[in-house]
Amino acid sequence: RIPAALVKLDAMYVMDEDGVIFKEFTNS
């Protein structure tokens, strides 16, 4: 998956270029 944006919902998530939110964002 190619990360395209971070999405702020109940937490911060990573969204790919297809619009799939695939994981919760961590500083690492």
mmCIF file of all heavy atoms, coordinates in Angstrom:
data_MODEL
# 
_entry.id   MODEL 
# 
loop_
_atom_site.group_PDB 
_atom_site.id 
_atom_site.type_symbol 
_atom_site.label_atom_id 
_atom_site.label_alt_id 
_atom_site.label_comp_id 
_atom_site.label_asym_id 
_atom_site.label_entity_id 
_atom_site.label_seq_id 
_atom_site.pdbx_PDB_ins_code 
_atom_site.Cartn_x 
_atom_site.Cartn_y 
_atom_site.Cartn_z 
_atom_site.occupancy 
_atom_site.B_iso_or_equiv 
_atom_site.pdbx_formal_charge 
_atom_site.auth_seq_id 
_atom_site.auth_comp_id 
_atom_site.auth_asym_id 
_atom_site.auth_atom_id 
_atom_site.pdbx_PDB_model_num 
ATOM 1   N N   . ARG A 1 1  ? 0.867   -1.182 0.000  1.00 0.00 ? 1  ARG A N   1 
ATOM 2   C CA  . ARG A 1 1  ? 0.000   0.000  0.000  1.00 0.00 ? 1  ARG A CA  1 
ATOM 3   C C   . ARG A 1 1  ? 0.901   1.229  0.000  1.00 0.00 ? 1  ARG A C   1 
ATOM 4   O O   . ARG A 1 1  ? 1.898   1.258  0.706  1.00 0.00 ? 1  ARG A O   1 
ATOM 5   C CB  . ARG A 1 1  ? -0.900  0.016  1.220  1.00 0.00 ? 1  ARG A CB  1 
ATOM 6   C CG  . ARG A 1 1  ? -1.870  -1.140 1.240  1.00 0.00 ? 1  ARG A CG  1 
ATOM 7   C CD  . ARG A 1 1  ? -2.876  -0.995 2.368  1.00 0.00 ? 1  ARG A CD  1 
ATOM 8   N NE  . ARG A 1 1  ? -3.733  -2.139 2.426  1.00 0.00 ? 1  ARG A NE  1 
ATOM 9   C CZ  . ARG A 1 1  ? -4.788  -2.345 1.632  1.00 0.00 ? 1  ARG A CZ  1 
ATOM 10  N NH1 . ARG A 1 1  ? -5.085  -1.449 0.728  1.00 0.00 ? 1  ARG A NH1 1 
ATOM 11  N NH2 . ARG A 1 1  ? -5.525  -3.423 1.754  1.00 0.00 ? 1  ARG A NH2 1 
ATOM 12  N N   . ILE A 1 2  ? 0.527   2.228  -0.774 1.00 0.00 ? 2  ILE A N   1 
ATOM 13  C CA  . ILE A 1 2  ? 1.301   3.466  -0.828 1.00 0.00 ? 2  ILE A CA  1 
ATOM 14  C C   . ILE A 1 2  ? 0.556   4.513  -0.007 1.00 0.00 ? 2  ILE A C   1 
ATOM 15  O O   . ILE A 1 2  ? -0.545  4.930  -0.374 1.00 0.00 ? 2  ILE A O   1 
ATOM 16  C CB  . ILE A 1 2  ? 1.496   3.932  -2.277 1.00 0.00 ? 2  ILE A CB  1 
ATOM 17  C CG1 . ILE A 1 2  ? 2.274   2.862  -3.052 1.00 0.00 ? 2  ILE A CG1 1 
ATOM 18  C CG2 . ILE A 1 2  ? 2.204   5.282  -2.311 1.00 0.00 ? 2  ILE A CG2 1 
ATOM 19  C CD1 . ILE A 1 2  ? 2.369   3.104  -4.529 1.00 0.00 ? 2  ILE A CD1 1 
ATOM 20  N N   . PRO A 1 3  ? 1.109   4.920  1.141  1.00 0.00 ? 3  PRO A N   1 
ATOM 21  C CA  . PRO A 1 3  ? 0.444   5.919  1.977  1.00 0.00 ? 3  PRO A CA  1 
ATOM 22  C C   . PRO A 1 3  ? 0.256   7.231  1.214  1.00 0.00 ? 3  PRO A C   1 
ATOM 23  O O   . PRO A 1 3  ? 1.169   7.707  0.544  1.00 0.00 ? 3  PRO A O   1 
ATOM 24  C CB  . PRO A 1 3  ? 1.401   6.107  3.153  1.00 0.00 ? 3  PRO A CB  1 
ATOM 25  C CG  . PRO A 1 3  ? 2.225   4.858  3.183  1.00 0.00 ? 3  PRO A CG  1 
ATOM 26  C CD  . PRO A 1 3  ? 2.357   4.448  1.741  1.00 0.00 ? 3  PRO A CD  1 
ATOM 27  N N   . ALA A 1 4  ? -0.957  7.788  1.319  1.00 0.00 ? 4  ALA A N   1 
ATOM 28  C CA  . ALA A 1 4  ? -1.262  9.034  0.609  1.00 0.00 ? 4  ALA A CA  1 
ATOM 29  C C   . ALA A 1 4  ? -1.620  10.168 1.559  1.00 0.00 ? 4  ALA A C   1 
ATOM 30  O O   . ALA A 1 4  ? -1.394  11.330 1.234  1.00 0.00 ? 4  ALA A O   1 
ATOM 31  C CB  . ALA A 1 4  ? -2.410  8.805  -0.372 1.00 0.00 ? 4  ALA A CB  1 
ATOM 32  N N   . ALA A 1 5  ? -2.183  9.845  2.708  1.00 0.00 ? 5  ALA A N   1 
ATOM 33  C CA  . ALA A 1 5  ? -2.592  10.880 3.657  1.00 0.00 ? 5  ALA A CA  1 
ATOM 34  C C   . ALA A 1 5  ? -2.786  10.251 5.031  1.00 0.00 ? 5  ALA A C   1 
ATOM 35  O O   . ALA A 1 5  ? -2.945  9.032  5.166  1.00 0.00 ? 5  ALA A O   1 
ATOM 36  C CB  . ALA A 1 5  ? -3.894  11.540 3.209  1.00 0.00 ? 5  ALA A CB  1 
ATOM 37  N N   . LEU A 1 6  ? -2.767  11.110 6.030  1.00 0.00 ? 6  LEU A N   1 
ATOM 38  C CA  . LEU A 1 6  ? -3.157  10.708 7.382  1.00 0.00 ? 6  LEU A CA  1 
ATOM 39  C C   . LEU A 1 6  ? -4.586  11.197 7.570  1.00 0.00 ? 6  LEU A C   1 
ATOM 40  O O   . LEU A 1 6  ? -4.926  12.297 7.140  1.00 0.00 ? 6  LEU A O   1 
ATOM 41  C CB  . LEU A 1 6  ? -2.235  11.342 8.419  1.00 0.00 ? 6  LEU A CB  1 
ATOM 42  C CG  . LEU A 1 6  ? -0.753  11.018 8.272  1.00 0.00 ? 6  LEU A CG  1 
ATOM 43  C CD1 . LEU A 1 6  ? 0.064   11.763 9.317  1.00 0.00 ? 6  LEU A CD1 1 
ATOM 44  C CD2 . LEU A 1 6  ? -0.517  9.524  8.378  1.00 0.00 ? 6  LEU A CD2 1 
ATOM 45  N N   . VAL A 1 7  ? -5.432  10.379 8.172  1.00 0.00 ? 7  VAL A N   1 
ATOM 46  C CA  . VAL A 1 7  ? -6.839  10.729 8.344  1.00 0.00 ? 7  VAL A CA  1 
ATOM 47  C C   . VAL A 1 7  ? -7.145  10.808 9.826  1.00 0.00 ? 7  VAL A C   1 
ATOM 48  O O   . VAL A 1 7  ? -6.885  9.868  10.581 1.00 0.00 ? 7  VAL A O   1 
ATOM 49  C CB  . VAL A 1 7  ? -7.752  9.685  7.661  1.00 0.00 ? 7  VAL A CB  1 
ATOM 50  C CG1 . VAL A 1 7  ? -9.214  10.029 7.880  1.00 0.00 ? 7  VAL A CG1 1 
ATOM 51  C CG2 . VAL A 1 7  ? -7.446  9.594  6.173  1.00 0.00 ? 7  VAL A CG2 1 
ATOM 52  N N   . LYS A 1 8  ? -7.704  11.948 10.224 1.00 0.00 ? 8  LYS A N   1 
ATOM 53  C CA  . LYS A 1 8  ? -8.079  12.166 11.630 1.00 0.00 ? 8  LYS A CA  1 
ATOM 54  C C   . LYS A 1 8  ? -9.520  11.726 11.820 1.00 0.00 ? 8  LYS A C   1 
ATOM 55  O O   . LYS A 1 8  ? -10.446 12.344 11.314 1.00 0.00 ? 8  LYS A O   1 
ATOM 56  C CB  . LYS A 1 8  ? -7.910  13.649 11.987 1.00 0.00 ? 8  LYS A CB  1 
ATOM 57  C CG  . LYS A 1 8  ? -8.312  13.993 13.398 1.00 0.00 ? 8  LYS A CG  1 
ATOM 58  C CD  . LYS A 1 8  ? -7.279  13.528 14.379 1.00 0.00 ? 8  LYS A CD  1 
ATOM 59  C CE  . LYS A 1 8  ? -7.617  14.005 15.771 1.00 0.00 ? 8  LYS A CE  1 
ATOM 60  N NZ  . LYS A 1 8  ? -7.632  12.958 16.739 1.00 0.00 ? 8  LYS A NZ  1 
ATOM 61  N N   . LEU A 1 9  ? -9.700  10.605 12.506 1.00 0.00 ? 9  LEU A N   1 
ATOM 62  C CA  . LEU A 1 9  ? -11.028 10.135 12.892 1.00 0.00 ? 9  LEU A CA  1 
ATOM 63  C C   . LEU A 1 9  ? -11.036 10.115 14.418 1.00 0.00 ? 9  LEU A C   1 
ATOM 64  O O   . LEU A 1 9  ? -10.757 11.141 15.022 1.00 0.00 ? 9  LEU A O   1 
ATOM 65  C CB  . LEU A 1 9  ? -11.314 8.751  12.286 1.00 0.00 ? 9  LEU A CB  1 
ATOM 66  C CG  . LEU A 1 9  ? -11.406 8.713  10.754 1.00 0.00 ? 9  LEU A CG  1 
ATOM 67  C CD1 . LEU A 1 9  ? -11.386 7.292  10.222 1.00 0.00 ? 9  LEU A CD1 1 
ATOM 68  C CD2 . LEU A 1 9  ? -12.644 9.436  10.273 1.00 0.00 ? 9  LEU A CD2 1 
ATOM 69  N N   . ASP A 1 10 ? -11.300 8.981  15.045 1.00 0.00 ? 10 ASP A N   1 
ATOM 70  C CA  . ASP A 1 10 ? -11.196 8.882  16.500 1.00 0.00 ? 10 ASP A CA  1 
ATOM 71  C C   . ASP A 1 10 ? -9.734  8.844  16.934 1.00 0.00 ? 10 ASP A C   1 
ATOM 72  O O   . ASP A 1 10 ? -9.390  9.108  18.068 1.00 0.00 ? 10 ASP A O   1 
ATOM 73  C CB  . ASP A 1 10 ? -11.945 7.654  17.012 1.00 0.00 ? 10 ASP A CB  1 
ATOM 74  C CG  . ASP A 1 10 ? -11.417 6.357  16.413 1.00 0.00 ? 10 ASP A CG  1 
ATOM 75  O OD1 . ASP A 1 10 ? -10.964 6.385  15.251 1.00 0.00 ? 10 ASP A OD1 1 
ATOM 76  O OD2 . ASP A 1 10 ? -11.466 5.314  17.090 1.00 0.00 ? 10 ASP A OD2 1 
ATOM 77  N N   . ALA A 1 11 ? -8.862  8.513  16.001 1.00 0.00 ? 11 ALA A N   1 
ATOM 78  C CA  . ALA A 1 11 ? -7.405  8.529  16.169 1.00 0.00 ? 11 ALA A CA  1 
ATOM 79  C C   . ALA A 1 11 ? -6.844  8.912  14.802 1.00 0.00 ? 11 ALA A C   1 
ATOM 80  O O   . ALA A 1 11 ? -7.604  9.204  13.876 1.00 0.00 ? 11 ALA A O   1 
ATOM 81  C CB  . ALA A 1 11 ? -6.902  7.154  16.612 1.00 0.00 ? 11 ALA A CB  1 
ATOM 82  N N   . MET A 1 12 ? -5.542  8.893  14.658 1.00 0.00 ? 12 MET A N   1 
ATOM 83  C CA  . MET A 1 12 ? -4.923  9.209  13.368 1.00 0.00 ? 12 MET A CA  1 
ATOM 84  C C   . MET A 1 12 ? -4.650  7.890  12.646 1.00 0.00 ? 12 MET A C   1 
ATOM 85  O O   . MET A 1 12 ? -4.071  6.966  13.219 1.00 0.00 ? 12 MET A O   1 
ATOM 86  C CB  . MET A 1 12 ? -3.619  9.972  13.588 1.00 0.00 ? 12 MET A CB  1 
ATOM 87  C CG  . MET A 1 12 ? -3.095  10.642 12.353 1.00 0.00 ? 12 MET A CG  1 
ATOM 88  S SD  . MET A 1 12 ? -4.034  12.081 11.862 1.00 0.00 ? 12 MET A SD  1 
ATOM 89  C CE  . MET A 1 12 ? -3.468  13.269 13.048 1.00 0.00 ? 12 MET A CE  1 
ATOM 90  N N   . TYR A 1 13 ? -5.083  7.819  11.379 1.00 0.00 ? 13 TYR A N   1 
ATOM 91  C CA  . TYR A 1 13 ? -4.927  6.610  10.581 1.00 0.00 ? 13 TYR A CA  1 
ATOM 92  C C   . TYR A 1 13 ? -4.188  6.928  9.287  1.00 0.00 ? 13 TYR A C   1 
ATOM 93  O O   . TYR A 1 13 ? -4.156  8.075  8.845  1.00 0.00 ? 13 TYR A O   1 
ATOM 94  C CB  . TYR A 1 13 ? -6.292  5.991  10.241 1.00 0.00 ? 13 TYR A CB  1 
ATOM 95  C CG  . TYR A 1 13 ? -7.033  5.502  11.456 1.00 0.00 ? 13 TYR A CG  1 
ATOM 96  C CD1 . TYR A 1 13 ? -7.920  6.335  12.132 1.00 0.00 ? 13 TYR A CD1 1 
ATOM 97  C CD2 . TYR A 1 13 ? -6.829  4.216  11.945 1.00 0.00 ? 13 TYR A CD2 1 
ATOM 98  C CE1 . TYR A 1 13 ? -8.593  5.891  13.258 1.00 0.00 ? 13 TYR A CE1 1 
ATOM 99  C CE2 . TYR A 1 13 ? -7.501  3.770  13.069 1.00 0.00 ? 13 TYR A CE2 1 
ATOM 100 C CZ  . TYR A 1 13 ? -8.383  4.613  13.724 1.00 0.00 ? 13 TYR A CZ  1 
ATOM 101 O OH  . TYR A 1 13 ? -9.034  4.165  14.837 1.00 0.00 ? 13 TYR A OH  1 
ATOM 102 N N   . VAL A 1 14 ? -3.646  5.882  8.666  1.00 0.00 ? 14 VAL A N   1 
ATOM 103 C CA  . VAL A 1 14 ? -2.956  6.027  7.387  1.00 0.00 ? 14 VAL A CA  1 
ATOM 104 C C   . VAL A 1 14 ? -3.897  5.539  6.288  1.00 0.00 ? 14 VAL A C   1 
ATOM 105 O O   . VAL A 1 14 ? -4.468  4.453  6.390  1.00 0.00 ? 14 VAL A O   1 
ATOM 106 C CB  . VAL A 1 14 ? -1.638  5.203  7.358  1.00 0.00 ? 14 VAL A CB  1 
ATOM 107 C CG1 . VAL A 1 14 ? -0.911  5.407  6.040  1.00 0.00 ? 14 VAL A CG1 1 
ATOM 108 C CG2 . VAL A 1 14 ? -0.736  5.588  8.531  1.00 0.00 ? 14 VAL A CG2 1 
ATOM 109 N N   . MET A 1 15 ? -4.056  6.377  5.247  1.00 0.00 ? 15 MET A N   1 
ATOM 110 C CA  . MET A 1 15 ? -4.895  6.038  4.109  1.00 0.00 ? 15 MET A CA  1 
ATOM 111 C C   . MET A 1 15 ? -4.009  5.870  2.883  1.00 0.00 ? 15 MET A C   1 
ATOM 112 O O   . MET A 1 15 ? -3.082  6.656  2.673  1.00 0.00 ? 15 MET A O   1 
ATOM 113 C CB  . MET A 1 15 ? -5.915  7.148  3.851  1.00 0.00 ? 15 MET A CB  1 
ATOM 114 C CG  . MET A 1 15 ? -6.860  6.843  2.695  1.00 0.00 ? 15 MET A CG  1 
ATOM 115 S SD  . MET A 1 15 ? -8.112  8.122  2.464  1.00 0.00 ? 15 MET A SD  1 
ATOM 116 C CE  . MET A 1 15 ? -7.108  9.405  1.726  1.00 0.00 ? 15 MET A CE  1 
ATOM 117 N N   . ASP A 1 16 ? -4.301  4.853  2.082  1.00 0.00 ? 16 ASP A N   1 
ATOM 118 C CA  . ASP A 1 16 ? -3.500  4.649  0.876  1.00 0.00 ? 16 ASP A CA  1 
ATOM 119 C C   . ASP A 1 16 ? -4.093  5.400  -0.313 1.00 0.00 ? 16 ASP A C   1 
ATOM 120 O O   . ASP A 1 16 ? -5.135  6.058  -0.189 1.00 0.00 ? 16 ASP A O   1 
ATOM 121 C CB  . ASP A 1 16 ? -3.306  3.154  0.579  1.00 0.00 ? 16 ASP A CB  1 
ATOM 122 C CG  . ASP A 1 16 ? -4.538  2.453  0.047  1.00 0.00 ? 16 ASP A CG  1 
ATOM 123 O OD1 . ASP A 1 16 ? -5.577  3.094  -0.208 1.00 0.00 ? 16 ASP A OD1 1 
ATOM 124 O OD2 . ASP A 1 16 ? -4.462  1.220  -0.116 1.00 0.00 ? 16 ASP A OD2 1 
ATOM 125 N N   . GLU A 1 17 ? -3.424  5.306  -1.449 1.00 0.00 ? 17 GLU A N   1 
ATOM 126 C CA  . GLU A 1 17 ? -3.834  6.051  -2.637 1.00 0.00 ? 17 GLU A CA  1 
ATOM 127 C C   . GLU A 1 17 ? -5.157  5.569  -3.224 1.00 0.00 ? 17 GLU A C   1 
ATOM 128 O O   . GLU A 1 17 ? -5.741  6.230  -4.074 1.00 0.00 ? 17 GLU A O   1 
ATOM 129 C CB  . GLU A 1 17 ? -2.733  5.992  -3.697 1.00 0.00 ? 17 GLU A CB  1 
ATOM 130 C CG  . GLU A 1 17 ? -2.385  4.596  -4.134 1.00 0.00 ? 17 GLU A CG  1 
ATOM 131 C CD  . GLU A 1 17 ? -1.180  4.534  -5.047 1.00 0.00 ? 17 GLU A CD  1 
ATOM 132 O OE1 . GLU A 1 17 ? -0.563  5.564  -5.318 1.00 0.00 ? 17 GLU A OE1 1 
ATOM 133 O OE2 . GLU A 1 17 ? -0.864  3.419  -5.490 1.00 0.00 ? 17 GLU A OE2 1 
ATOM 134 N N   . ASP A 1 18 ? -5.674  4.426  -2.748 1.00 0.00 ? 18 ASP A N   1 
ATOM 135 C CA  . ASP A 1 18 ? -6.978  3.929  -3.182 1.00 0.00 ? 18 ASP A CA  1 
ATOM 136 C C   . ASP A 1 18 ? -8.084  4.328  -2.213 1.00 0.00 ? 18 ASP A C   1 
ATOM 137 O O   . ASP A 1 18 ? -9.230  3.918  -2.381 1.00 0.00 ? 18 ASP A O   1 
ATOM 138 C CB  . ASP A 1 18 ? -6.947  2.398  -3.308 1.00 0.00 ? 18 ASP A CB  1 
ATOM 139 C CG  . ASP A 1 18 ? -5.995  1.933  -4.389 1.00 0.00 ? 18 ASP A CG  1 
ATOM 140 O OD1 . ASP A 1 18 ? -5.920  2.594  -5.448 1.00 0.00 ? 18 ASP A OD1 1 
ATOM 141 O OD2 . ASP A 1 18 ? -5.312  0.909  -4.178 1.00 0.00 ? 18 ASP A OD2 1 
ATOM 142 N N   . GLY A 1 19 ? -7.744  5.070  -1.171 1.00 0.00 ? 19 GLY A N   1 
ATOM 143 C CA  . GLY A 1 19 ? -8.733  5.499  -0.191 1.00 0.00 ? 19 GLY A CA  1 
ATOM 144 C C   . GLY A 1 19 ? -8.988  4.502  0.910  1.00 0.00 ? 19 GLY A C   1 
ATOM 145 O O   . GLY A 1 19 ? -9.920  4.653  1.694  1.00 0.00 ? 19 GLY A O   1 
ATOM 146 N N   . VAL A 1 20 ? -8.157  3.484  1.008  1.00 0.00 ? 20 VAL A N   1 
ATOM 147 C CA  . VAL A 1 20 ? -8.308  2.465  2.054  1.00 0.00 ? 20 VAL A CA  1 
ATOM 148 C C   . VAL A 1 20 ? -7.528  2.905  3.290  1.00 0.00 ? 20 VAL A C   1 
ATOM 149 O O   . VAL A 1 20 ? -6.330  3.189  3.210  1.00 0.00 ? 20 VAL A O   1 
ATOM 150 C CB  . VAL A 1 20 ? -7.787  1.087  1.570  1.00 0.00 ? 20 VAL A CB  1 
ATOM 151 C CG1 . VAL A 1 20 ? -7.827  0.071  2.699  1.00 0.00 ? 20 VAL A CG1 1 
ATOM 152 C CG2 . VAL A 1 20 ? -8.584  0.613  0.370  1.00 0.00 ? 20 VAL A CG2 1 
ATOM 153 N N   . ILE A 1 21 ? -8.236  2.991  4.404  1.00 0.00 ? 21 ILE A N   1 
ATOM 154 C CA  . ILE A 1 21 ? -7.573  3.273  5.675  1.00 0.00 ? 21 ILE A CA  1 
ATOM 155 C C   . ILE A 1 21 ? -7.104  1.929  6.202  1.00 0.00 ? 21 ILE A C   1 
ATOM 156 O O   . ILE A 1 21 ? -7.912  1.054  6.500  1.00 0.00 ? 21 ILE A O   1 
ATOM 157 C CB  . ILE A 1 21 ? -8.518  3.982  6.651  1.00 0.00 ? 21 ILE A CB  1 
ATOM 158 C CG1 . ILE A 1 21 ? -8.834  5.371  6.089  1.00 0.00 ? 21 ILE A CG1 1 
ATOM 159 C CG2 . ILE A 1 21 ? -7.908  4.055  8.032  1.00 0.00 ? 21 ILE A CG2 1 
ATOM 160 C CD1 . ILE A 1 21 ? -9.827  6.161  6.878  1.00 0.00 ? 21 ILE A CD1 1 
ATOM 161 N N   . PHE A 1 22 ? -5.783  1.757  6.262  1.00 0.00 ? 22 PHE A N   1 
ATOM 162 C CA  . PHE A 1 22 ? -5.274  0.414  6.513  1.00 0.00 ? 22 PHE A CA  1 
ATOM 163 C C   . PHE A 1 22 ? -4.563  0.223  7.835  1.00 0.00 ? 22 PHE A C   1 
ATOM 164 O O   . PHE A 1 22 ? -4.278  -0.915 8.209  1.00 0.00 ? 22 PHE A O   1 
ATOM 165 C CB  . PHE A 1 22 ? -4.389  -0.056 5.350  1.00 0.00 ? 22 PHE A CB  1 
ATOM 166 C CG  . PHE A 1 22 ? -3.143  0.745  5.116  1.00 0.00 ? 22 PHE A CG  1 
ATOM 167 C CD1 . PHE A 1 22 ? -1.933  0.352  5.660  1.00 0.00 ? 22 PHE A CD1 1 
ATOM 168 C CD2 . PHE A 1 22 ? -3.172  1.878  4.326  1.00 0.00 ? 22 PHE A CD2 1 
ATOM 169 C CE1 . PHE A 1 22 ? -0.776  1.071  5.424  1.00 0.00 ? 22 PHE A CE1 1 
ATOM 170 C CE2 . PHE A 1 22 ? -2.024  2.600  4.078  1.00 0.00 ? 22 PHE A CE2 1 
ATOM 171 C CZ  . PHE A 1 22 ? -0.820  2.206  4.636  1.00 0.00 ? 22 PHE A CZ  1 
ATOM 172 N N   . LYS A 1 23 ? -4.271  1.291  8.554  1.00 0.00 ? 23 LYS A N   1 
ATOM 173 C CA  . LYS A 1 23 ? -3.640  1.088  9.856  1.00 0.00 ? 23 LYS A CA  1 
ATOM 174 C C   . LYS A 1 23 ? -3.698  2.362  10.663 1.00 0.00 ? 23 LYS A C   1 
ATOM 175 O O   . LYS A 1 23 ? -3.838  3.456  10.120 1.00 0.00 ? 23 LYS A O   1 
ATOM 176 C CB  . LYS A 1 23 ? -2.194  0.613  9.716  1.00 0.00 ? 23 LYS A CB  1 
ATOM 177 C CG  . LYS A 1 23 ? -1.222  1.666  9.199  1.00 0.00 ? 23 LYS A CG  1 
ATOM 178 C CD  . LYS A 1 23 ? 0.200   1.164  9.048  1.00 0.00 ? 23 LYS A CD  1 
ATOM 179 C CE  . LYS A 1 23 ? 0.953   0.888  10.254 1.00 0.00 ? 23 LYS A CE  1 
ATOM 180 N NZ  . LYS A 1 23 ? 1.379   1.869  11.179 1.00 0.00 ? 23 LYS A NZ  1 
ATOM 181 N N   . GLU A 1 24 ? -3.576  2.210  11.968 1.00 0.00 ? 24 GLU A N   1 
ATOM 182 C CA  . GLU A 1 24 ? -3.476  3.374  12.845 1.00 0.00 ? 24 GLU A CA  1 
ATOM 183 C C   . GLU A 1 24 ? -2.058  3.925  12.749 1.00 0.00 ? 24 GLU A C   1 
ATOM 184 O O   . GLU A 1 24 ? -1.084  3.173  12.718 1.00 0.00 ? 24 GLU A O   1 
ATOM 185 C CB  . GLU A 1 24 ? -3.817  2.995  14.284 1.00 0.00 ? 24 GLU A CB  1 
ATOM 186 C CG  . GLU A 1 24 ? -3.926  4.198  15.196 1.00 0.00 ? 24 GLU A CG  1 
ATOM 187 C CD  . GLU A 1 24 ? -4.534  3.883  16.546 1.00 0.00 ? 24 GLU A CD  1 
ATOM 188 O OE1 . GLU A 1 24 ? -5.177  2.820  16.709 1.00 0.00 ? 24 GLU A OE1 1 
ATOM 189 O OE2 . GLU A 1 24 ? -4.368  4.716  17.454 1.00 0.00 ? 24 GLU A OE2 1 
ATOM 190 N N   . PHE A 1 25 ? -1.951  5.232  12.683 1.00 0.00 ? 25 PHE A N   1 
ATOM 191 C CA  . PHE A 1 25 ? -0.660  5.899  12.565 1.00 0.00 ? 25 PHE A CA  1 
ATOM 192 C C   . PHE A 1 25 ? 0.083   5.845  13.891 1.00 0.00 ? 25 PHE A C   1 
ATOM 193 O O   . PHE A 1 25 ? -0.493  6.029  14.955 1.00 0.00 ? 25 PHE A O   1 
ATOM 194 C CB  . PHE A 1 25 ? -0.865  7.358  12.148 1.00 0.00 ? 25 PHE A CB  1 
ATOM 195 C CG  . PHE A 1 25 ? 0.389   8.183  12.157 1.00 0.00 ? 25 PHE A CG  1 
ATOM 196 C CD1 . PHE A 1 25 ? 1.327   8.041  11.149 1.00 0.00 ? 25 PHE A CD1 1 
ATOM 197 C CD2 . PHE A 1 25 ? 0.643   9.083  13.179 1.00 0.00 ? 25 PHE A CD2 1 
ATOM 198 C CE1 . PHE A 1 25 ? 2.495   8.789  11.153 1.00 0.00 ? 25 PHE A CE1 1 
ATOM 199 C CE2 . PHE A 1 25 ? 1.804   9.838  13.191 1.00 0.00 ? 25 PHE A CE2 1 
ATOM 200 C CZ  . PHE A 1 25 ? 2.734   9.683  12.180 1.00 0.00 ? 25 PHE A CZ  1 
ATOM 201 N N   . THR A 1 26 ? 1.380   5.571  13.815 1.00 0.00 ? 26 THR A N   1 
ATOM 202 C CA  . THR A 1 26 ? 2.257   5.670  14.980 1.00 0.00 ? 26 THR A CA  1 
ATOM 203 C C   . THR A 1 26 ? 3.457   6.528  14.580 1.00 0.00 ? 26 THR A C   1 
ATOM 204 O O   . THR A 1 26 ? 3.777   6.650  13.389 1.00 0.00 ? 26 THR A O   1 
ATOM 205 C CB  . THR A 1 26 ? 2.768   4.293  15.446 1.00 0.00 ? 26 THR A CB  1 
ATOM 206 O OG1 . THR A 1 26 ? 3.569   3.719  14.411 1.00 0.00 ? 26 THR A OG1 1 
ATOM 207 C CG2 . THR A 1 26 ? 1.624   3.363  15.795 1.00 0.00 ? 26 THR A CG2 1 
ATOM 208 N N   . ASN A 1 27 ? 4.120   7.115  15.555 1.00 0.00 ? 27 ASN A N   1 
ATOM 209 C CA  . ASN A 1 27 ? 5.293   7.945  15.263 1.00 0.00 ? 27 ASN A CA  1 
ATOM 210 C C   . ASN A 1 27 ? 6.381   7.166  14.544 1.00 0.00 ? 27 ASN A C   1 
ATOM 211 O O   . ASN A 1 27 ? 7.134   7.721  13.756 1.00 0.00 ? 27 ASN A O   1 
ATOM 212 C CB  . ASN A 1 27 ? 5.846   8.574  16.539 1.00 0.00 ? 27 ASN A CB  1 
ATOM 213 C CG  . ASN A 1 27 ? 4.936   9.653  17.070 1.00 0.00 ? 27 ASN A CG  1 
ATOM 214 O OD1 . ASN A 1 27 ? 4.159   10.239 16.329 1.00 0.00 ? 27 ASN A OD1 1 
ATOM 215 N ND2 . ASN A 1 27 ? 5.002   9.904  18.362 1.00 0.00 ? 27 ASN A ND2 1 
ATOM 216 N N   . SER A 1 28 ? 6.458   5.872  14.782 1.00 0.00 ? 28 SER A N   1 
ATOM 217 C CA  . SER A 1 28 ? 7.486   5.060  14.130 1.00 0.00 ? 28 SER A CA  1 
ATOM 218 C C   . SER A 1 28 ? 7.220   4.889  12.632 1.00 0.00 ? 28 SER A C   1 
ATOM 219 O O   . SER A 1 28 ? 8.101   4.452  11.899 1.00 0.00 ? 28 SER A O   1 
ATOM 220 C CB  . SER A 1 28 ? 7.611   3.698  14.810 1.00 0.00 ? 28 SER A CB  1 
ATOM 221 O OG  . SER A 1 28 ? 6.412   2.969  14.659 1.00 0.00 ? 28 SER A OG  1 
# 
